Amino acid sequence: MTPPSTVSRIESAVAALGDAPLTEAAMQRHVAPLFTRVRETWRDRIYLANHSLGRPLDATEDDVREGLAAWYAHLGGAWDAWSGEMTAFRTRLARLMGAPRPDCVVPKTSAGQGLRAILNTFDAVPRVVATRGEFDSLDVILREYARRGRIALTLVEPRADGEFASEDIVAAIGARADLLVVSQVMFNTGQRLPELERIVAATHAAGGRVLLDVYHALGVFPVDVAALRVDYAVGGSYKYLRGGPGACYLYLDPRHLDGSLRTLDTGWFAKREPFAYLRPDPPELADGGDAFLESTPPVLPLYQARAGQVFLSAIGVPRLRAHSLAAQRRLVDLLSARGIAATGGAEDRGAFVTVVDERAEAWSEALEAARVVTDARGRYLRLCPDVLTTDDELVAAADAVAETRRRLS
């Protein structure tokens, strides 16, 4: 008998939840069984690093095996199945981020690969504005391009409290900018960038385009790239999409897919008919977003990302957001009751709670020894509950944080 598909397994489990707000009892009864393998392996630890690497569903392994099975069975003929999975990957992502059509989403192996593709569309040296709060994968590329004279880079500093102000970004854009690179949610503090629409409008008024990093936004709260009018977006499946490494993407607004925008980051899969092996000069690129494909793409990450995308779509981002905010507020209250100030659980934050201390990395290491898995970025200790996290785990985690502070003091 053929086992049920990933889609049917996940959608059946989510349907059993009904339409009511998510509760711990319902999640443990209907959703937790979708994660049996990772829960069994990690049963003696409290996992609060969901903002770093999302926990995989059991179906993920089956999906990857499906991609491999096509290879074993068909060898070169597997490209029919693999191409179909690429289309499905792009279609699901387009729905999740509000993209007007699937080919606006271009598979990439990293967010940095997407950024390079956009930087390499410029013939002259562009003026690029970014913040000091961009994650390393983008920050390193920007600063290396600037060091080599490939871009003129302006970096906006955070204020004394570590937060970024929209007026500072608008001031840095000034009267002329070619590209703004900015995160919708800052990776270290969890700050949700304020007045994003104003920032996008200011960039366009200055003749520039906007590349939005949605890595800590997509799957956390509803994202609509079309409504935001951003030109480009980058992100990946590593965190809230539960798709692991390598399943990343570049979004391009349809107004840039008329053939006038070309990048040096190209390859034979960007050709109009890649398997025809024709070589016109200049190369004839495919229509729309397919022109931003590169050389032979990795295919297993597309299968690897399937279950997480299906789960997110089935359960719904608004419901997950409400559940996340409630869990964050509960954790913030538990920490406060133990004399520890924490930030999280508000609409101006992403999916994780932060505790600020210069010894945050030492805190995280001590918590790991206490079998509570967190992480730290600079002076920010980050803790992220998810749909599998129980209230008992939040209480135990708060106790462990308090004990860690006592010991390290």
Protein backbone atom coordinates (compact mmCIF):
# COMPACT_ATOMS: atom_id res chain seq x y z
CA MET A 1 0.00 0.00 0.00
CA THR A 2 1.32 3.44 -0.93
CA PRO A 3 1.90 5.57 2.20
CA PRO A 4 -0.01 8.86 2.42
CA SER A 5 1.69 11.83 0.80
CA THR A 6 3.32 14.66 2.71
CA VAL A 7 0.47 16.98 1.80
CA SER A 8 -2.29 14.60 2.94
CA ARG A 9 -0.49 13.67 6.19
CA ILE A 10 0.04 17.29 7.20
CA GLU A 11 -3.29 18.64 6.03
CA SER A 12 -5.18 15.84 7.82
CA ALA A 13 -3.37 16.56 11.08
CA VAL A 14 -3.97 20.31 10.82
CA ALA A 15 -7.62 19.81 9.87
CA ALA A 16 -8.12 17.95 13.16
CA LEU A 17 -7.21 21.17 14.99
CA GLY A 18 -10.36 22.88 13.74
CA ASP A 19 -10.55 26.65 13.45
CA ALA A 20 -10.07 27.54 17.11
CA PRO A 21 -6.95 29.28 18.40
CA LEU A 22 -4.04 26.91 18.87
CA THR A 23 -3.76 25.34 22.32
CA GLU A 24 -1.03 23.23 23.84
CA ALA A 25 -3.36 20.25 24.26
CA ALA A 26 -4.48 20.36 20.63
CA MET A 27 -0.95 20.84 19.33
CA GLN A 28 0.40 17.95 21.39
CA ARG A 29 -2.42 15.70 20.23
CA HIS A 30 -2.52 16.50 16.52
CA VAL A 31 0.67 18.32 15.50
CA ALA A 32 3.37 16.81 17.70
CA PRO A 33 2.96 13.37 16.01
CA LEU A 34 4.18 15.00 12.78
CA PHE A 35 7.53 15.55 14.55
CA THR A 36 7.99 12.15 16.24
CA ARG A 37 11.58 11.60 15.15
CA VAL A 38 13.05 14.92 16.31
CA ARG A 39 11.00 14.88 19.51
CA GLU A 40 12.27 11.43 20.42
CA THR A 41 15.88 12.35 19.69
CA TRP A 42 15.65 15.56 21.73
CA ARG A 43 13.26 14.39 24.44
CA ASP A 44 15.67 15.18 27.27
CA ARG A 45 16.40 18.76 26.12
CA ILE A 46 14.40 21.97 25.83
CA TYR A 47 14.87 23.37 22.34
CA LEU A 48 14.53 27.16 22.18
CA ALA A 49 16.69 27.75 19.09
CA ASN A 50 13.86 27.52 16.57
CA HIS A 51 14.86 30.97 15.29
CA SER A 52 18.21 29.48 14.30
CA LEU A 53 17.31 26.06 12.88
CA GLY A 54 13.71 24.92 12.69
CA ARG A 55 12.79 21.42 13.77
CA PRO A 56 12.08 19.14 10.78
CA LEU A 57 8.91 17.16 10.24
CA ASP A 58 9.01 13.38 9.90
CA ALA A 59 7.80 13.79 6.31
CA THR A 60 11.00 15.63 5.37
CA GLU A 61 13.00 12.42 5.22
CA ASP A 62 10.36 10.77 3.03
CA ASP A 63 10.37 13.76 0.69
CA VAL A 64 14.16 13.68 0.26
CA ARG A 65 13.96 9.95 -0.40
CA GLU A 66 11.44 10.70 -3.14
CA GLY A 67 13.91 13.00 -4.85
CA LEU A 68 16.61 10.34 -4.60
CA ALA A 69 14.24 7.64 -5.84
CA ALA A 70 13.71 9.56 -9.08
CA TRP A 71 17.49 9.57 -9.59
CA TYR A 72 17.83 5.84 -8.95
CA ALA A 73 14.87 4.97 -11.16
CA HIS A 74 15.36 7.33 -14.10
CA LEU A 75 18.92 8.72 -14.00
CA GLY A 76 18.89 11.61 -16.48
CA GLY A 77 15.14 11.27 -16.86
CA ALA A 78 14.77 12.36 -13.25
CA TRP A 79 14.86 15.96 -14.45
CA ASP A 80 11.14 15.70 -15.25
CA ALA A 81 10.33 15.05 -11.58
CA TRP A 82 13.01 17.44 -10.32
CA SER A 83 11.77 20.29 -12.51
CA GLY A 84 8.25 19.67 -11.29
CA GLU A 85 9.42 19.93 -7.69
CA MET A 86 11.19 23.20 -8.46
CA THR A 87 7.93 24.60 -9.81
CA ALA A 88 6.08 23.40 -6.70
CA PHE A 89 8.75 24.96 -4.45
CA ARG A 90 8.40 28.31 -6.22
CA THR A 91 4.60 28.16 -6.23
CA ARG A 92 4.32 27.50 -2.50
CA LEU A 93 6.80 30.27 -1.66
CA ALA A 94 5.01 32.73 -3.93
CA ARG A 95 1.76 32.13 -2.03
CA LEU A 96 3.46 32.49 1.34
CA MET A 97 5.11 35.82 0.51
CA GLY A 98 2.39 37.37 -1.63
CA ALA A 99 4.37 37.22 -4.87
CA PRO A 100 2.20 37.82 -7.94
CA ARG A 101 3.34 34.67 -9.75
CA PRO A 102 5.64 31.68 -9.12
CA ASP A 103 8.42 32.68 -11.51
CA CYS A 104 9.02 35.80 -9.38
CA VAL A 105 10.66 33.39 -6.93
CA VAL A 106 14.07 32.09 -8.01
CA PRO A 107 15.62 29.20 -6.06
CA LYS A 108 19.03 29.99 -4.58
CA THR A 109 21.30 28.09 -2.21
CA SER A 110 21.71 31.09 0.13
CA ALA A 111 20.35 34.56 0.73
CA GLY A 112 23.84 35.83 -0.08
CA GLN A 113 23.63 34.26 -3.52
CA GLY A 114 20.48 36.27 -4.13
CA LEU A 115 22.16 39.48 -2.99
CA ARG A 116 25.14 38.89 -5.30
CA ALA A 117 22.80 38.33 -8.23
CA ILE A 118 21.31 41.80 -7.67
CA LEU A 119 24.64 43.54 -7.01
CA ASN A 120 25.91 42.05 -10.24
CA THR A 121 23.15 43.67 -12.30
CA PHE A 122 24.91 47.06 -12.02
CA ASP A 123 27.36 48.13 -14.71
CA ALA A 124 28.59 51.23 -12.88
CA VAL A 125 29.50 51.42 -9.19
CA PRO A 126 26.18 51.72 -7.33
CA ARG A 127 25.55 53.62 -4.11
CA VAL A 128 24.28 51.02 -1.64
CA VAL A 129 22.73 51.78 1.76
CA ALA A 130 22.42 49.08 4.43
CA THR A 131 22.34 48.81 8.21
CA ARG A 132 24.85 47.46 10.68
CA GLY A 133 22.10 45.03 11.67
CA GLU A 134 22.23 42.86 8.55
CA PHE A 135 23.12 39.23 9.10
CA ASP A 136 26.66 38.11 8.33
CA SER A 137 25.72 36.35 5.09
CA LEU A 138 24.76 39.73 3.57
CA ASP A 139 27.08 41.95 5.60
CA VAL A 140 30.25 40.11 4.55
CA ILE A 141 29.32 40.35 0.86
CA LEU A 142 28.47 44.04 1.10
CA ARG A 143 31.69 44.95 2.87
CA GLU A 144 33.82 42.83 0.52
CA TYR A 145 32.23 44.45 -2.53
CA ALA A 146 32.89 47.85 -0.94
CA ARG A 147 36.51 46.93 -0.15
CA ARG A 148 37.09 46.04 -3.80
CA GLY A 149 35.44 49.24 -5.03
CA ARG A 150 32.47 47.40 -6.57
CA ILE A 151 29.93 49.38 -4.54
CA ALA A 152 29.91 52.64 -2.56
CA LEU A 153 28.53 51.50 0.78
CA THR A 154 26.82 53.55 3.50
CA LEU A 155 26.03 51.71 6.74
CA VAL A 156 23.37 53.00 9.15
CA GLU A 157 24.24 52.59 12.82
CA PRO A 158 21.79 51.53 15.53
CA ARG A 159 20.93 53.96 18.29
CA ALA A 160 22.18 53.63 21.85
CA ASP A 161 19.48 51.08 22.69
CA GLY A 162 20.55 48.84 19.81
CA GLU A 163 17.44 49.64 17.74
CA PHE A 164 17.28 51.14 14.27
CA ALA A 165 15.17 54.22 13.54
CA SER A 166 13.41 54.71 10.22
CA GLU A 167 14.43 58.39 10.10
CA ASP A 168 18.11 57.40 10.26
CA ILE A 169 17.70 55.06 7.31
CA VAL A 170 15.76 57.66 5.31
CA ALA A 171 18.45 60.24 6.07
CA ALA A 172 21.16 57.86 4.83
CA ILE A 173 19.25 57.27 1.61
CA GLY A 174 19.19 61.00 1.00
CA ALA A 175 18.55 62.38 -2.47
CA ARG A 176 20.20 59.51 -4.34
CA ALA A 177 20.59 55.80 -3.73
CA ASP A 178 20.80 52.87 -6.12
CA LEU A 179 20.04 50.04 -3.71
CA LEU A 180 18.84 49.70 -0.12
CA VAL A 181 19.54 46.39 1.63
CA VAL A 182 17.59 46.02 4.86
CA SER A 183 16.03 43.32 7.04
CA GLN A 184 12.37 43.23 7.91
CA VAL A 185 13.31 41.73 11.30
CA MET A 186 16.79 42.21 12.74
CA PHE A 187 18.52 38.90 13.38
CA ASN A 188 20.15 39.79 16.72
CA THR A 189 17.56 41.92 18.54
CA GLY A 190 14.34 40.68 16.95
CA GLN A 191 13.34 44.27 16.15
CA ARG A 192 10.73 44.55 13.42
CA LEU A 193 11.87 47.44 11.26
CA PRO A 194 9.49 50.37 11.82
CA GLU A 195 7.82 52.31 9.01
CA LEU A 196 9.03 49.97 6.30
CA GLU A 197 6.59 51.43 3.76
CA ARG A 198 8.05 54.90 4.38
CA ILE A 199 11.58 53.57 3.90
CA VAL A 200 10.65 51.86 0.63
CA ALA A 201 8.96 55.03 -0.66
CA ALA A 202 12.00 57.14 0.25
CA THR A 203 14.30 54.76 -1.62
CA HIS A 204 12.13 54.85 -4.73
CA ALA A 205 11.93 58.64 -4.54
CA ALA A 206 15.74 58.71 -4.49
CA GLY A 207 15.85 56.64 -7.67
CA GLY A 208 16.82 53.43 -5.92
CA ARG A 209 15.54 49.92 -5.42
CA VAL A 210 14.94 47.91 -2.24
CA LEU A 211 16.23 44.44 -1.40
CA LEU A 212 14.43 43.18 1.71
CA ASP A 213 15.81 40.32 3.81
CA VAL A 214 12.76 38.36 5.00
CA TYR A 215 14.65 35.49 6.62
CA HIS A 216 13.30 36.34 10.11
CA ALA A 217 9.90 37.49 8.81
CA LEU A 218 8.51 34.88 6.41
CA GLY A 219 6.63 32.31 8.44
CA VAL A 220 6.65 34.58 11.50
CA PHE A 221 3.94 37.06 10.48
CA PRO A 222 2.12 37.67 7.18
CA VAL A 223 4.51 39.02 4.54
CA ASP A 224 3.25 40.61 1.31
CA VAL A 225 6.13 41.66 -0.90
CA ALA A 226 3.81 42.96 -3.59
CA ALA A 227 1.96 45.24 -1.18
CA LEU A 228 5.26 46.48 0.26
CA ARG A 229 6.42 47.37 -3.27
CA VAL A 230 9.91 46.04 -2.58
CA ASP A 231 11.94 45.36 -5.70
CA TYR A 232 13.70 42.26 -4.40
CA ALA A 233 13.65 39.99 -1.37
CA VAL A 234 15.91 37.24 -0.12
CA GLY A 235 15.40 34.57 2.50
CA GLY A 236 15.58 30.88 3.18
CA SER A 237 14.03 27.81 4.73
CA TYR A 238 16.53 27.28 7.54
CA LYS A 239 14.40 28.69 10.34
CA TYR A 240 10.63 29.13 10.42
CA LEU A 241 9.99 27.28 7.16
CA ARG A 242 11.58 24.12 8.61
CA GLY A 243 13.33 23.32 5.34
CA GLY A 244 16.96 23.22 6.39
CA PRO A 245 19.99 24.68 4.61
CA GLY A 246 20.29 25.27 0.89
CA ALA A 247 16.59 25.92 0.17
CA CYS A 248 16.79 29.69 -0.24
CA TYR A 249 15.29 32.13 -2.71
CA LEU A 250 15.43 35.47 -4.47
CA TYR A 251 12.20 37.34 -5.17
CA LEU A 252 12.01 39.85 -8.04
CA ASP A 253 9.04 42.14 -8.59
CA PRO A 254 7.43 41.53 -12.00
CA ARG A 255 8.31 45.07 -13.09
CA HIS A 256 11.94 43.92 -13.23
CA LEU A 257 11.25 40.77 -15.22
CA ASP A 258 10.69 42.30 -18.65
CA GLY A 259 14.16 41.31 -19.81
CA SER A 260 15.83 44.66 -19.11
CA LEU A 261 17.51 43.45 -15.90
CA ARG A 262 20.42 41.06 -16.41
CA THR A 263 22.96 39.73 -13.95
CA LEU A 264 26.46 38.34 -14.25
CA ASP A 265 25.35 35.53 -11.92
CA THR A 266 23.91 33.41 -14.68
CA GLY A 267 24.26 29.97 -16.22
CA TRP A 268 22.83 27.51 -18.67
CA PHE A 269 19.57 27.00 -16.74
CA ALA A 270 18.82 30.68 -17.40
CA LYS A 271 18.75 30.06 -21.15
CA ARG A 272 15.48 30.12 -23.05
CA GLU A 273 15.82 26.42 -23.91
CA PRO A 274 18.54 24.99 -21.67
CA PHE A 275 18.28 21.43 -22.93
CA ALA A 276 18.41 22.48 -26.58
CA TYR A 277 22.11 23.43 -26.17
CA LEU A 278 21.87 26.31 -28.63
CA ARG A 279 24.50 29.07 -28.39
CA PRO A 280 23.26 32.34 -29.85
CA ASP A 281 25.40 35.38 -29.14
CA PRO A 282 24.42 37.15 -26.95
CA PRO A 283 22.77 34.33 -25.00
CA GLU A 284 18.99 34.27 -25.21
CA LEU A 285 17.68 34.18 -21.67
CA ALA A 286 14.40 32.69 -20.53
CA ASP A 287 11.34 34.80 -19.86
CA GLY A 288 10.57 36.24 -16.44
CA GLY A 289 12.31 35.01 -13.33
CA ASP A 290 13.73 31.97 -15.09
CA ALA A 291 16.34 34.34 -16.52
CA PHE A 292 17.79 34.54 -12.97
CA LEU A 293 18.43 30.82 -12.67
CA GLU A 294 22.10 29.88 -12.83
CA SER A 295 23.96 26.68 -13.62
CA THR A 296 22.75 23.17 -12.75
CA PRO A 297 20.73 23.68 -9.54
CA PRO A 298 20.75 21.46 -6.46
CA VAL A 299 17.48 19.55 -6.37
CA LEU A 300 17.36 17.74 -3.03
CA PRO A 301 16.93 20.99 -1.04
CA LEU A 302 13.69 21.53 -2.98
CA TYR A 303 12.34 18.23 -1.64
CA GLN A 304 13.86 18.96 1.76
CA ALA A 305 11.81 22.17 1.97
CA ARG A 306 8.48 20.64 0.94
CA ALA A 307 7.07 19.48 4.29
CA GLY A 308 7.84 22.75 6.05
CA GLN A 309 6.18 24.80 3.32
CA VAL A 310 3.11 22.56 3.34
CA PHE A 311 2.89 22.71 7.15
CA LEU A 312 3.14 26.48 7.22
CA SER A 313 0.50 26.89 4.52
CA ALA A 314 -1.86 24.38 6.13
CA ILE A 315 -1.79 25.78 9.65
CA GLY A 316 -1.66 29.42 8.55
CA VAL A 317 0.83 32.14 9.44
CA PRO A 318 -1.70 34.31 11.37
CA ARG A 319 -2.53 31.41 13.71
CA LEU A 320 1.15 30.64 14.22
CA ARG A 321 1.82 34.31 14.91
CA ALA A 322 -0.86 34.45 17.61
CA HIS A 323 0.51 31.28 19.21
CA SER A 324 4.09 32.59 19.03
CA LEU A 325 3.24 35.94 20.61
CA ALA A 326 1.40 34.23 23.47
CA ALA A 327 4.34 31.89 24.14
CA GLN A 328 6.81 34.77 24.00
CA ARG A 329 4.74 36.83 26.43
CA ARG A 330 4.53 33.86 28.77
CA LEU A 331 8.31 33.46 28.69
CA VAL A 332 8.88 37.19 29.21
CA ASP A 333 6.55 37.11 32.24
CA LEU A 334 8.26 34.03 33.68
CA LEU A 335 11.66 35.69 33.35
CA SER A 336 10.38 38.95 34.82
CA ALA A 337 9.05 37.07 37.85
CA ARG A 338 12.61 35.85 38.36
CA GLY A 339 14.06 39.36 38.10
CA ILE A 340 15.27 39.07 34.52
CA ALA A 341 14.32 41.72 31.97
CA ALA A 342 13.46 40.32 28.54
CA THR A 343 12.00 41.66 25.31
CA GLY A 344 9.51 39.86 23.10
CA GLY A 345 5.87 39.01 22.56
CA ALA A 346 4.91 42.33 20.93
CA GLU A 347 3.94 43.19 17.36
CA ASP A 348 7.17 45.15 16.89
CA ARG A 349 9.22 41.97 17.44
CA GLY A 350 9.90 38.84 15.45
CA ALA A 351 9.59 35.29 16.79
CA PHE A 352 12.12 35.22 19.62
CA VAL A 353 12.69 36.66 23.08
CA THR A 354 15.95 38.44 23.92
CA VAL A 355 17.80 38.95 27.17
CA VAL A 356 20.56 41.55 26.96
CA ASP A 357 23.81 40.92 28.80
CA GLU A 358 27.46 41.33 27.86
CA ARG A 359 27.97 37.70 28.89
CA ALA A 360 25.19 36.37 26.64
CA GLU A 361 27.45 33.83 24.96
CA ALA A 362 28.52 32.45 28.34
CA TRP A 363 24.85 32.30 29.36
CA SER A 364 24.03 30.26 26.26
CA GLU A 365 26.89 27.84 26.90
CA ALA A 366 25.80 27.38 30.51
CA LEU A 367 22.20 26.81 29.44
CA GLU A 368 23.37 24.20 26.93
CA ALA A 369 25.04 22.34 29.81
CA ALA A 370 21.70 22.56 31.63
CA ARG A 371 20.08 20.99 28.54
CA VAL A 372 18.30 24.17 27.45
CA VAL A 373 19.26 24.97 23.86
CA THR A 374 19.45 28.69 23.04
CA ASP A 375 22.00 30.85 21.26
CA ALA A 376 23.57 34.29 21.52
CA ARG A 377 24.42 37.00 19.03
CA GLY A 378 26.74 39.51 20.64
CA ARG A 379 25.13 40.65 23.88
CA TYR A 380 21.71 39.25 22.96
CA LEU A 381 20.65 35.88 24.35
CA ARG A 382 17.92 34.56 22.04
CA LEU A 383 15.13 32.17 23.08
CA CYS A 384 12.44 31.05 20.64
CA PRO A 385 9.52 28.79 21.56
CA ASP A 386 7.61 27.12 18.75
CA VAL A 387 4.48 25.00 18.29
CA LEU A 388 6.07 22.00 20.05
CA THR A 389 7.16 23.95 23.14
CA THR A 390 5.11 23.17 26.25
CA ASP A 391 4.38 25.47 29.16
CA ASP A 392 6.33 23.15 31.45
CA GLU A 393 9.35 23.66 29.21
CA LEU A 394 8.97 27.45 29.38
CA VAL A 395 8.86 27.31 33.19
CA ALA A 396 11.90 25.04 33.32
CA ALA A 397 13.76 27.26 30.85
CA ALA A 398 13.04 30.38 32.91
CA ASP A 399 14.31 28.59 36.01
CA ALA A 400 17.47 27.58 34.14
CA VAL A 401 18.08 31.15 32.94
CA ALA A 402 17.68 32.46 36.49
CA GLU A 403 20.07 29.83 37.84
CA THR A 404 22.55 30.63 35.07
CA ARG A 405 22.48 34.31 35.95
CA ARG A 406 23.03 33.47 39.62
CA ARG A 407 26.00 31.23 38.85
CA LEU A 408 27.64 33.61 36.40
CA SER A 409 27.23 36.51 38.83
